[in-house]
Amino acid sequence: MVQALAHSNLAWQESETVEILGSYKKLMLAGVGLDDMDVRLVLTNGTAKAQIAPKAICKTRKPLDAALKTPRALWEFQGFRLNYGCKVPGFKHDAYPNH
């Protein structure tokens, strides 16, 4: 996944500071629109940040499907794309019921 993201056309802001992630409810960058997707890679030697505008989410995230190796992870990832109005051929909503 990290290699696929690295080869994407996202504009990364890199820092040698390792960011401490708080609650997912507070992961917003100053100046980023509420509809933008905030992408953060936190590694042992630094942090990289990028944003994906809503109109680019479908195009940017589809190539990342190949990086996911388990069917459930792929299903979750594709379901998230559907929430943004992306077309995901062959997606089955009931493949992993939540009960």
PDB file of N, CA and C in Angstrom:
ATOM      1  N   MET A   1       0.826  -1.182   0.000  1.00  0.00           N
ATOM      2  CA  MET A   1       0.000   0.000   0.000  1.00  0.00           C
ATOM      3  C   MET A   1       0.874   1.252   0.000  1.00  0.00           C
ATOM      4  N   VAL A   2       1.923   1.246   0.821  1.00  0.00           N
ATOM      5  CA  VAL A   2       2.799   2.425   0.902  1.00  0.00           C
ATOM      6  C   VAL A   2       3.493   2.656  -0.443  1.00  0.00           C
ATOM      7  N   GLN A   3       3.951   1.597  -1.089  1.00  0.00           N
ATOM      8  CA  GLN A   3       4.594   1.749  -2.398  1.00  0.00           C
ATOM      9  C   GLN A   3       3.614   2.288  -3.434  1.00  0.00           C
ATOM     10  N   ALA A   4       2.384   1.788  -3.403  1.00  0.00           N
ATOM     11  CA  ALA A   4       1.375   2.273  -4.339  1.00  0.00           C
ATOM     12  C   ALA A   4       1.080   3.749  -4.095  1.00  0.00           C
ATOM     13  N   LEU A   5       0.981   4.149  -2.844  1.00  0.00           N
ATOM     14  CA  LEU A   5       0.757   5.557  -2.522  1.00  0.00           C
ATOM     15  C   LEU A   5       1.943   6.417  -2.953  1.00  0.00           C
ATOM     16  N   ALA A   6       3.143   5.894  -2.768  1.00  0.00           N
ATOM     17  CA  ALA A   6       4.340   6.646  -3.144  1.00  0.00           C
ATOM     18  C   ALA A   6       4.388   6.916  -4.647  1.00  0.00           C
ATOM     19  N   HIS A   7       3.817   5.998  -5.434  1.00  0.00           N
ATOM     20  CA  HIS A   7       3.811   6.160  -6.888  1.00  0.00           C
ATOM     21  C   HIS A   7       2.560   6.870  -7.399  1.00  0.00           C
ATOM     22  N   SER A   8       1.722   7.315  -6.490  1.00  0.00           N
ATOM     23  CA  SER A   8       0.521   8.049  -6.888  1.00  0.00           C
ATOM     24  C   SER A   8       0.907   9.491  -7.206  1.00  0.00           C
ATOM     25  N   ASN A   9      -0.055  10.231  -7.713  1.00  0.00           N
ATOM     26  CA  ASN A   9       0.225  11.633  -8.053  1.00  0.00           C
ATOM     27  C   ASN A   9      -0.134  12.591  -6.919  1.00  0.00           C
ATOM     28  N   LEU A  10      -0.161  12.095  -5.681  1.00  0.00           N
ATOM     29  CA  LEU A  10      -0.475  12.958  -4.543  1.00  0.00           C
ATOM     30  C   LEU A  10       0.696  13.889  -4.229  1.00  0.00           C
ATOM     31  N   ALA A  11       0.370  15.079  -3.771  1.00  0.00           N
ATOM     32  CA  ALA A  11       1.388  16.047  -3.362  1.00  0.00           C
ATOM     33  C   ALA A  11       1.669  15.823  -1.874  1.00  0.00           C
ATOM     34  N   TRP A  12       2.772  15.164  -1.570  1.00  0.00           N
ATOM     35  CA  TRP A  12       3.110  14.786  -0.194  1.00  0.00           C
ATOM     36  C   TRP A  12       3.850  15.901   0.514  1.00  0.00           C
ATOM     37  N   GLN A  13       3.491  16.120   1.770  1.00  0.00           N
ATOM     38  CA  GLN A  13       4.238  17.004   2.668  1.00  0.00           C
ATOM     39  C   GLN A  13       4.939  16.075   3.643  1.00  0.00           C
ATOM     40  N   GLU A  14       6.261  16.077   3.623  1.00  0.00           N
ATOM     41  CA  GLU A  14       7.014  15.150   4.458  1.00  0.00           C
ATOM     42  C   GLU A  14       7.662  15.872   5.628  1.00  0.00           C
ATOM     43  N   SER A  15       7.765  15.136   6.741  1.00  0.00           N
ATOM     44  CA  SER A  15       8.371  15.675   7.948  1.00  0.00           C
ATOM     45  C   SER A  15       9.170  14.565   8.620  1.00  0.00           C
ATOM     46  N   GLU A  16      10.281  14.927   9.244  1.00  0.00           N
ATOM     47  CA  GLU A  16      11.058  13.944  10.002  1.00  0.00           C
ATOM     48  C   GLU A  16      10.480  13.731  11.396  1.00  0.00           C
ATOM     49  N   THR A  17       9.413  14.453  11.708  1.00  0.00           N
ATOM     50  CA  THR A  17       8.734  14.297  12.986  1.00  0.00           C
ATOM     51  C   THR A  17       7.730  13.160  12.881  1.00  0.00           C
ATOM     52  N   VAL A  18       7.751  12.277  13.869  1.00  0.00           N
ATOM     53  CA  VAL A  18       6.765  11.199  13.913  1.00  0.00           C
ATOM     54  C   VAL A  18       5.515  11.747  14.584  1.00  0.00           C
ATOM     55  N   GLU A  19       4.450  11.814  13.836  1.00  0.00           N
ATOM     56  CA  GLU A  19       3.208  12.390  14.347  1.00  0.00           C
ATOM     57  C   GLU A  19       2.481  11.379  15.238  1.00  0.00           C
ATOM     58  N   ILE A  20       1.972  11.858  16.323  1.00  0.00           N
ATOM     59  CA  ILE A  20       1.152  11.042  17.219  1.00  0.00           C
ATOM     60  C   ILE A  20      -0.293  11.227  16.785  1.00  0.00           C
ATOM     61  N   LEU A  21      -0.937  10.158  16.394  1.00  0.00           N
ATOM     62  CA  LEU A  21      -2.324  10.249  15.946  1.00  0.00           C
ATOM     63  C   LEU A  21      -3.267  10.200  17.141  1.00  0.00           C
ATOM     64  N   GLY A  22      -4.164  11.129  17.174  1.00  0.00           N
ATOM     65  CA  GLY A  22      -5.184  11.145  18.214  1.00  0.00           C
ATOM     66  C   GLY A  22      -6.427  10.444  17.710  1.00  0.00           C
ATOM     67  N   SER A  23      -7.552  10.866  18.196  1.00  0.00           N
ATOM     68  CA  SER A  23      -8.836  10.317  17.784  1.00  0.00           C
ATOM     69  C   SER A  23      -9.038  10.550  16.290  1.00  0.00           C
ATOM     70  N   TYR A  24      -9.620   9.572  15.621  1.00  0.00           N
ATOM     71  CA  TYR A  24      -9.900   9.736  14.199  1.00  0.00           C
ATOM     72  C   TYR A  24     -10.835  10.915  13.951  1.00  0.00           C
ATOM     73  N   LYS A  25     -11.580  11.331  14.957  1.00  0.00           N
ATOM     74  CA  LYS A  25     -12.513  12.448  14.819  1.00  0.00           C
ATOM     75  C   LYS A  25     -11.795  13.779  14.714  1.00  0.00           C
ATOM     76  N   LYS A  26     -10.516  13.816  15.075  1.00  0.00           N
ATOM     77  CA  LYS A  26      -9.778  15.069  15.084  1.00  0.00           C
ATOM     78  C   LYS A  26      -8.657  15.110  14.049  1.00  0.00           C
ATOM     79  N   LEU A  27      -8.651  14.194  13.107  1.00  0.00           N
ATOM     80  CA  LEU A  27      -7.584  14.155  12.113  1.00  0.00           C
ATOM     81  C   LEU A  27      -7.885  15.097  10.950  1.00  0.00           C
ATOM     82  N   MET A  28      -7.764  16.363  11.174  1.00  0.00           N
ATOM     83  CA  MET A  28      -7.972  17.364  10.137  1.00  0.00           C
ATOM     84  C   MET A  28      -6.734  18.252  10.065  1.00  0.00           C
ATOM     85  N   LEU A  29      -6.313  18.574   8.857  1.00  0.00           N
ATOM     86  CA  LEU A  29      -5.208  19.509   8.668  1.00  0.00           C
ATOM     87  C   LEU A  29      -5.779  20.919   8.520  1.00  0.00           C
ATOM     88  N   ALA A  30      -5.081  21.894   9.053  1.00  0.00           N
ATOM     89  CA  ALA A  30      -5.513  23.278   8.906  1.00  0.00           C
ATOM     90  C   ALA A  30      -5.569  23.625   7.424  1.00  0.00           C
ATOM     91  N   GLY A  31      -6.666  24.216   7.009  1.00  0.00           N
ATOM     92  CA  GLY A  31      -6.808  24.650   5.625  1.00  0.00           C
ATOM     93  C   GLY A  31      -7.343  23.594   4.686  1.00  0.00           C
ATOM     94  N   VAL A  32      -7.520  22.384   5.122  1.00  0.00           N
ATOM     95  CA  VAL A  32      -8.052  21.333   4.257  1.00  0.00           C
ATOM     96  C   VAL A  32      -9.568  21.397   4.319  1.00  0.00           C
ATOM     97  N   GLY A  33     -10.196  21.309   3.156  1.00  0.00           N
ATOM     98  CA  GLY A  33     -11.654  21.338   3.118  1.00  0.00           C
ATOM     99  C   GLY A  33     -12.243  20.127   3.828  1.00  0.00           C
ATOM    100  N   LEU A  34     -13.442  20.289   4.346  1.00  0.00           N
ATOM    101  CA  LEU A  34     -14.081  19.204   5.084  1.00  0.00           C
ATOM    102  C   LEU A  34     -14.348  17.990   4.213  1.00  0.00           C
ATOM    103  N   ASP A  35     -14.477  18.175   2.911  1.00  0.00           N
ATOM    104  CA  ASP A  35     -14.747  17.053   2.026  1.00  0.00           C
ATOM    105  C   ASP A  35     -13.475  16.375   1.526  1.00  0.00           C
ATOM    106  N   ASP A  36     -12.315  17.005   1.707  1.00  0.00           N
ATOM    107  CA  ASP A  36     -11.064  16.398   1.268  1.00  0.00           C
ATOM    108  C   ASP A  36     -10.747  15.179   2.118  1.00  0.00           C
ATOM    109  N   MET A  37     -10.137  14.179   1.505  1.00  0.00           N
ATOM    110  CA  MET A  37      -9.678  13.007   2.248  1.00  0.00           C
ATOM    111  C   MET A  37      -8.246  13.280   2.713  1.00  0.00           C
ATOM    112  N   ASP A  38      -8.029  13.153   3.983  1.00  0.00           N
ATOM    113  CA  ASP A  38      -6.724  13.385   4.601  1.00  0.00           C
ATOM    114  C   ASP A  38      -5.990  12.045   4.662  1.00  0.00           C
ATOM    115  N   VAL A  39      -4.823  11.951   4.018  1.00  0.00           N
ATOM    116  CA  VAL A  39      -4.032  10.722   3.998  1.00  0.00           C
ATOM    117  C   VAL A  39      -2.761  10.970   4.791  1.00  0.00           C
ATOM    118  N   ARG A  40      -2.492  10.123   5.768  1.00  0.00           N
ATOM    119  CA  ARG A  40      -1.281  10.269   6.577  1.00  0.00           C
ATOM    120  C   ARG A  40      -0.572   8.930   6.678  1.00  0.00           C
ATOM    121  N   LEU A  41       0.706   8.955   6.415  1.00  0.00           N
ATOM    122  CA  LEU A  41       1.562   7.786   6.607  1.00  0.00           C
ATOM    123  C   LEU A  41       2.503   8.116   7.748  1.00  0.00           C
ATOM    124  N   VAL A  42       2.378   7.389   8.835  1.00  0.00           N
ATOM    125  CA  VAL A  42       3.227   7.620   9.997  1.00  0.00           C
ATOM    126  C   VAL A  42       4.164   6.430  10.109  1.00  0.00           C
ATOM    127  N   LEU A  43       5.447   6.699   9.953  1.00  0.00           N
ATOM    128  CA  LEU A  43       6.477   5.669   9.998  1.00  0.00           C
ATOM    129  C   LEU A  43       7.417   5.950  11.167  1.00  0.00           C
ATOM    130  N   THR A  44       8.338   5.071  11.407  1.00  0.00           N
ATOM    131  CA  THR A  44       9.247   5.244  12.539  1.00  0.00           C
ATOM    132  C   THR A  44      10.196   6.425  12.362  1.00  0.00           C
ATOM    133  N   ASN A  45      10.392   6.876  11.124  1.00  0.00           N
ATOM    134  CA  ASN A  45      11.334   7.974  10.905  1.00  0.00           C
ATOM    135  C   ASN A  45      10.687   9.244  10.366  1.00  0.00           C
ATOM    136  N   GLY A  46       9.374   9.339  10.427  1.00  0.00           N
ATOM    137  CA  GLY A  46       8.725  10.566   9.972  1.00  0.00           C
ATOM    138  C   GLY A  46       7.277  10.362   9.575  1.00  0.00           C
ATOM    139  N   THR A  47       6.696  11.432   9.056  1.00  0.00           N
ATOM    140  CA  THR A  47       5.295  11.447   8.664  1.00  0.00           C
ATOM    141  C   THR A  47       5.171  12.072   7.284  1.00  0.00           C
ATOM    142  N   ALA A  48       4.281  11.530   6.461  1.00  0.00           N
ATOM    143  CA  ALA A  48       3.964  12.114   5.161  1.00  0.00           C
ATOM    144  C   ALA A  48       2.459  12.357   5.133  1.00  0.00           C
ATOM    145  N   LYS A  49       2.067  13.523   4.617  1.00  0.00           N
ATOM    146  CA  LYS A  49       0.656  13.899   4.570  1.00  0.00           C
ATOM    147  C   LYS A  49       0.290  14.316   3.153  1.00  0.00           C
ATOM    148  N   ALA A  50      -0.939  14.017   2.778  1.00  0.00           N
ATOM    149  CA  ALA A  50      -1.471  14.451   1.487  1.00  0.00           C
ATOM    150  C   ALA A  50      -2.984  14.561   1.614  1.00  0.00           C
ATOM    151  N   GLN A  51      -3.591  15.241   0.678  1.00  0.00           N
ATOM    152  CA  GLN A  51      -5.035  15.361   0.640  1.00  0.00           C
ATOM    153  C   GLN A  51      -5.520  14.927  -0.741  1.00  0.00           C
ATOM    154  N   ILE A  52      -6.719  14.338  -0.745  1.00  0.00           N
ATOM    155  CA  ILE A  52      -7.349  13.965  -2.007  1.00  0.00           C
ATOM    156  C   ILE A  52      -8.677  14.709  -2.074  1.00  0.00           C
ATOM    157  N   ALA A  53      -8.843  15.504  -3.117  1.00  0.00           N
ATOM    158  CA  ALA A  53     -10.094  16.234  -3.315  1.00  0.00           C
ATOM    159  C   ALA A  53     -11.199  15.238  -3.658  1.00  0.00           C
ATOM    160  N   PRO A  54     -12.435  15.526  -3.266  1.00  0.00           N
ATOM    161  CA  PRO A  54     -13.537  14.589  -3.529  1.00  0.00           C
ATOM    162  C   PRO A  54     -13.638  14.146  -4.983  1.00  0.00           C
ATOM    163  N   LYS A  55     -13.406  15.057  -5.924  1.00  0.00           N
ATOM    164  CA  LYS A  55     -13.535  14.694  -7.340  1.00  0.00           C
ATOM    165  C   LYS A  55     -12.430  13.743  -7.804  1.00  0.00           C
ATOM    166  N   ALA A  56     -11.357  13.595  -7.017  1.00  0.00           N
ATOM    167  CA  ALA A  56     -10.246  12.725  -7.403  1.00  0.00           C
ATOM    168  C   ALA A  56     -10.203  11.421  -6.611  1.00  0.00           C
ATOM    169  N   ILE A  57     -11.115  11.226  -5.662  1.00  0.00           N
ATOM    170  CA  ILE A  57     -11.060  10.051  -4.793  1.00  0.00           C
ATOM    171  C   ILE A  57     -11.195   8.756  -5.592  1.00  0.00           C
ATOM    172  N   CYS A  58     -12.147   8.689  -6.506  1.00  0.00           N
ATOM    173  CA  CYS A  58     -12.368   7.453  -7.262  1.00  0.00           C
ATOM    174  C   CYS A  58     -11.134   7.086  -8.085  1.00  0.00           C
ATOM    175  N   LYS A  59     -10.588   8.057  -8.797  1.00  0.00           N
ATOM    176  CA  LYS A  59      -9.427   7.802  -9.656  1.00  0.00           C
ATOM    177  C   LYS A  59      -8.181   7.464  -8.839  1.00  0.00           C
ATOM    178  N   THR A  60      -8.006   8.117  -7.711  1.00  0.00           N
ATOM    179  CA  THR A  60      -6.809   7.921  -6.889  1.00  0.00           C
ATOM    180  C   THR A  60      -6.845   6.609  -6.124  1.00  0.00           C
ATOM    181  N   ARG A  61      -7.991   6.226  -5.615  1.00  0.00           N
ATOM    182  CA  ARG A  61      -8.070   5.044  -4.752  1.00  0.00           C
ATOM    183  C   ARG A  61      -8.203   3.734  -5.512  1.00  0.00           C
ATOM    184  N   LYS A  62      -8.779   3.726  -6.705  1.00  0.00           N
ATOM    185  CA  LYS A  62      -8.974   2.479  -7.444  1.00  0.00           C
ATOM    186  C   LYS A  62      -7.669   1.707  -7.665  1.00  0.00           C
ATOM    187  N   PRO A  63      -6.570   2.339  -8.077  1.00  0.00           N
ATOM    188  CA  PRO A  63      -5.324   1.590  -8.289  1.00  0.00           C
ATOM    189  C   PRO A  63      -4.759   0.964  -7.012  1.00  0.00           C
ATOM    190  N   LEU A  64      -5.206   1.424  -5.848  1.00  0.00           N
ATOM    191  CA  LEU A  64      -4.701   0.877  -4.593  1.00  0.00           C
ATOM    192  C   LEU A  64      -5.330  -0.476  -4.251  1.00  0.00           C
ATOM    193  N   ASP A  65      -6.411  -0.857  -4.935  1.00  0.00           N
ATOM    194  CA  ASP A  65      -7.065  -2.148  -4.675  1.00  0.00           C
ATOM    195  C   ASP A  65      -6.076  -3.302  -4.741  1.00  0.00           C
ATOM    196  N   ALA A  66      -5.171  -3.264  -5.698  1.00  0.00           N
ATOM    197  CA  ALA A  66      -4.223  -4.364  -5.903  1.00  0.00           C
ATOM    198  C   ALA A  66      -3.262  -4.537  -4.724  1.00  0.00           C
ATOM    199  N   ALA A  67      -3.111  -3.518  -3.904  1.00  0.00           N
ATOM    200  CA  ALA A  67      -2.192  -3.599  -2.760  1.00  0.00           C
ATOM    201  C   ALA A  67      -2.808  -4.354  -1.582  1.00  0.00           C
ATOM    202  N   LEU A  68      -4.109  -4.567  -1.612  1.00  0.00           N
ATOM    203  CA  LEU A  68      -4.792  -5.232  -0.498  1.00  0.00           C
ATOM    204  C   LEU A  68      -4.836  -6.737  -0.757  1.00  0.00           C
ATOM    205  N   LYS A  69      -4.349  -7.501   0.184  1.00  0.00           N
ATOM    206  CA  LYS A  69      -4.162  -8.943  -0.024  1.00  0.00           C
ATOM    207  C   LYS A  69      -5.261  -9.817   0.555  1.00  0.00           C
ATOM    208  N   THR A  70      -6.117  -9.286   1.431  1.00  0.00           N
ATOM    209  CA  THR A  70      -7.173 -10.117   2.003  1.00  0.00           C
ATOM    210  C   THR A  70      -8.527  -9.664   1.454  1.00  0.00           C
ATOM    211  N   PRO A  71      -9.432 -10.612   1.202  1.00  0.00           N
ATOM    212  CA  PRO A  71     -10.739 -10.247   0.657  1.00  0.00           C
ATOM    213  C   PRO A  71     -11.509  -9.257   1.530  1.00  0.00           C
ATOM    214  N   ARG A  72     -11.441  -9.415   2.839  1.00  0.00           N
ATOM    215  CA  ARG A  72     -12.180  -8.507   3.727  1.00  0.00           C
ATOM    216  C   ARG A  72     -11.620  -7.090   3.647  1.00  0.00           C
ATOM    217  N   ALA A  73     -10.304  -6.946   3.630  1.00  0.00           N
ATOM    218  CA  ALA A  73      -9.702  -5.610   3.528  1.00  0.00           C
ATOM    219  C   ALA A  73     -10.101  -4.944   2.212  1.00  0.00           C
ATOM    220  N   LEU A  74     -10.085  -5.700   1.126  1.00  0.00           N
ATOM    221  CA  LEU A  74     -10.477  -5.161  -0.173  1.00  0.00           C
ATOM    222  C   LEU A  74     -11.949  -4.739  -0.148  1.00  0.00           C
ATOM    223  N   TRP A  75     -12.797  -5.561   0.457  1.00  0.00           N
ATOM    224  CA  TRP A  75     -14.219  -5.254   0.553  1.00  0.00           C
ATOM    225  C   TRP A  75     -14.440  -3.949   1.327  1.00  0.00           C
ATOM    226  N   GLU A  76     -13.751  -3.781   2.451  1.00  0.00           N
ATOM    227  CA  GLU A  76     -13.874  -2.560   3.255  1.00  0.00           C
ATOM    228  C   GLU A  76     -13.418  -1.339   2.449  1.00  0.00           C
ATOM    229  N   PHE A  77     -12.300  -1.482   1.776  1.00  0.00           N
ATOM    230  CA  PHE A  77     -11.713  -0.392   0.996  1.00  0.00           C
ATOM    231  C   PHE A  77     -12.646   0.004  -0.147  1.00  0.00           C
ATOM    232  N   GLN A  78     -13.198  -0.988  -0.839  1.00  0.00           N
ATOM    233  CA  GLN A  78     -14.102  -0.699  -1.954  1.00  0.00           C
ATOM    234  C   GLN A  78     -15.418  -0.116  -1.457  1.00  0.00           C
ATOM    235  N   GLY A  79     -15.902  -0.607  -0.314  1.00  0.00           N
ATOM    236  CA  GLY A  79     -17.125  -0.057   0.263  1.00  0.00           C
ATOM    237  C   GLY A  79     -16.970   1.405   0.609  1.00  0.00           C
ATOM    238  N   PHE A  80     -15.797   1.774   1.087  1.00  0.00           N
ATOM    239  CA  PHE A  80     -15.522   3.173   1.398  1.00  0.00           C
ATOM    240  C   PHE A  80     -15.591   4.009   0.124  1.00  0.00           C
ATOM    241  N   ARG A  81     -15.049   3.463  -0.971  1.00  0.00           N
ATOM    242  CA  ARG A  81     -15.112   4.179  -2.254  1.00  0.00           C
ATOM    243  C   ARG A  81     -16.556   4.376  -2.699  1.00  0.00           C
ATOM    244  N   LEU A  82     -17.397   3.366  -2.486  1.00  0.00           N
ATOM    245  CA  LEU A  82     -18.810   3.490  -2.858  1.00  0.00           C
ATOM    246  C   LEU A  82     -19.463   4.660  -2.133  1.00  0.00           C
ATOM    247  N   ASN A  83     -19.055   4.886  -0.882  1.00  0.00           N
ATOM    248  CA  ASN A  83     -19.610   5.997  -0.111  1.00  0.00           C
ATOM    249  C   ASN A  83     -19.299   7.350  -0.749  1.00  0.00           C
ATOM    250  N   TYR A  84     -18.266   7.403  -1.583  1.00  0.00           N
ATOM    251  CA  TYR A  84     -17.906   8.633  -2.287  1.00  0.00           C
ATOM    252  C   TYR A  84     -18.477   8.658  -3.706  1.00  0.00           C
ATOM    253  N   GLY A  85     -19.358   7.708  -4.028  1.00  0.00           N
ATOM    254  CA  GLY A  85     -19.994   7.695  -5.344  1.00  0.00           C
ATOM    255  C   GLY A  85     -19.158   7.036  -6.428  1.00  0.00           C
ATOM    256  N   CYS A  86     -18.119   6.315  -6.047  1.00  0.00           N
ATOM    257  CA  CYS A  86     -17.285   5.625  -7.032  1.00  0.00           C
ATOM    258  C   CYS A  86     -18.001   4.368  -7.524  1.00  0.00           C
ATOM    259  N   LYS A  87     -17.745   3.979  -8.758  1.00  0.00           N
ATOM    260  CA  LYS A  87     -18.278   2.729  -9.289  1.00  0.00           C
ATOM    261  C   LYS A  87     -17.274   1.632  -8.998  1.00  0.00           C
ATOM    262  N   VAL A  88     -17.732   0.551  -8.390  1.00  0.00           N
ATOM    263  CA  VAL A  88     -16.870  -0.582  -8.064  1.00  0.00           C
ATOM    264  C   VAL A  88     -17.532  -1.831  -8.644  1.00  0.00           C
ATOM    265  N   PRO A  89     -17.155  -2.214  -9.875  1.00  0.00           N
ATOM    266  CA  PRO A  89     -17.770  -3.372 -10.511  1.00  0.00           C
ATOM    267  C   PRO A  89     -17.589  -4.644  -9.683  1.00  0.00           C
ATOM    268  N   GLY A  90     -18.660  -5.418  -9.557  1.00  0.00           N
ATOM    269  CA  GLY A  90     -18.596  -6.690  -8.856  1.00  0.00           C
ATOM    270  C   GLY A  90     -18.658  -6.606  -7.344  1.00  0.00           C
ATOM    271  N   PHE A  91     -18.816  -5.414  -6.786  1.00  0.00           N
ATOM    272  CA  PHE A  91     -18.871  -5.276  -5.331  1.00  0.00           C
ATOM    273  C   PHE A  91     -20.163  -5.869  -4.801  1.00  0.00           C
ATOM    274  N   LYS A  92     -20.070  -6.664  -3.738  1.00  0.00           N
ATOM    275  CA  LYS A  92     -21.247  -7.281  -3.125  1.00  0.00           C
ATOM    276  C   LYS A  92     -21.399  -6.749  -1.707  1.00  0.00           C
ATOM    277  N   HIS A  93     -22.430  -5.943  -1.493  1.00  0.00           N
ATOM    278  CA  HIS A  93     -22.664  -5.317  -0.190  1.00  0.00           C
ATOM    279  C   HIS A  93     -22.761  -6.330   0.948  1.00  0.00           C
ATOM    280  N   ASP A  94     -23.356  -7.461   0.690  1.00  0.00           N
ATOM    281  CA  ASP A  94     -23.609  -8.422   1.760  1.00  0.00           C
ATOM    282  C   ASP A  94     -22.523  -9.499   1.897  1.00  0.00           C
ATOM    283  N   ALA A  95     -21.370  -9.289   1.311  1.00  0.00           N
ATOM    284  CA  ALA A  95     -20.302 -10.293   1.368  1.00  0.00           C
ATOM    285  C   ALA A  95     -19.822 -10.521   2.799  1.00  0.00           C
ATOM    286  N   TYR A  96     -19.813  -9.492   3.626  1.00  0.00           N
ATOM    287  CA  TYR A  96     -19.358  -9.596   5.011  1.00  0.00           C
ATOM    288  C   TYR A  96     -20.373  -8.894   5.912  1.00  0.00           C
ATOM    289  N   PRO A  97     -21.456  -9.587   6.284  1.00  0.00           N
ATOM    290  CA  PRO A  97     -22.459  -8.941   7.124  1.00  0.00           C
ATOM    291  C   PRO A  97     -21.873  -8.532   8.479  1.00  0.00           C
ATOM    292  N   ASN A  98     -22.363  -7.437   8.987  1.00  0.00           N
ATOM    293  CA  ASN A  98     -21.869  -6.903  10.267  1.00  0.00           C
ATOM    294  C   ASN A  98     -22.721  -7.363  11.432  1.00  0.00           C
ATOM    295  N   HIS A  99     -22.686  -8.659  11.750  1.00  0.00           N
ATOM    296  CA  HIS A  99     -23.372  -9.141  12.944  1.00  0.00           C
ATOM    297  C   HIS A  99     -22.613 -10.251  13.588  1.00  0.00           C
TER     298      HIS A  99
END
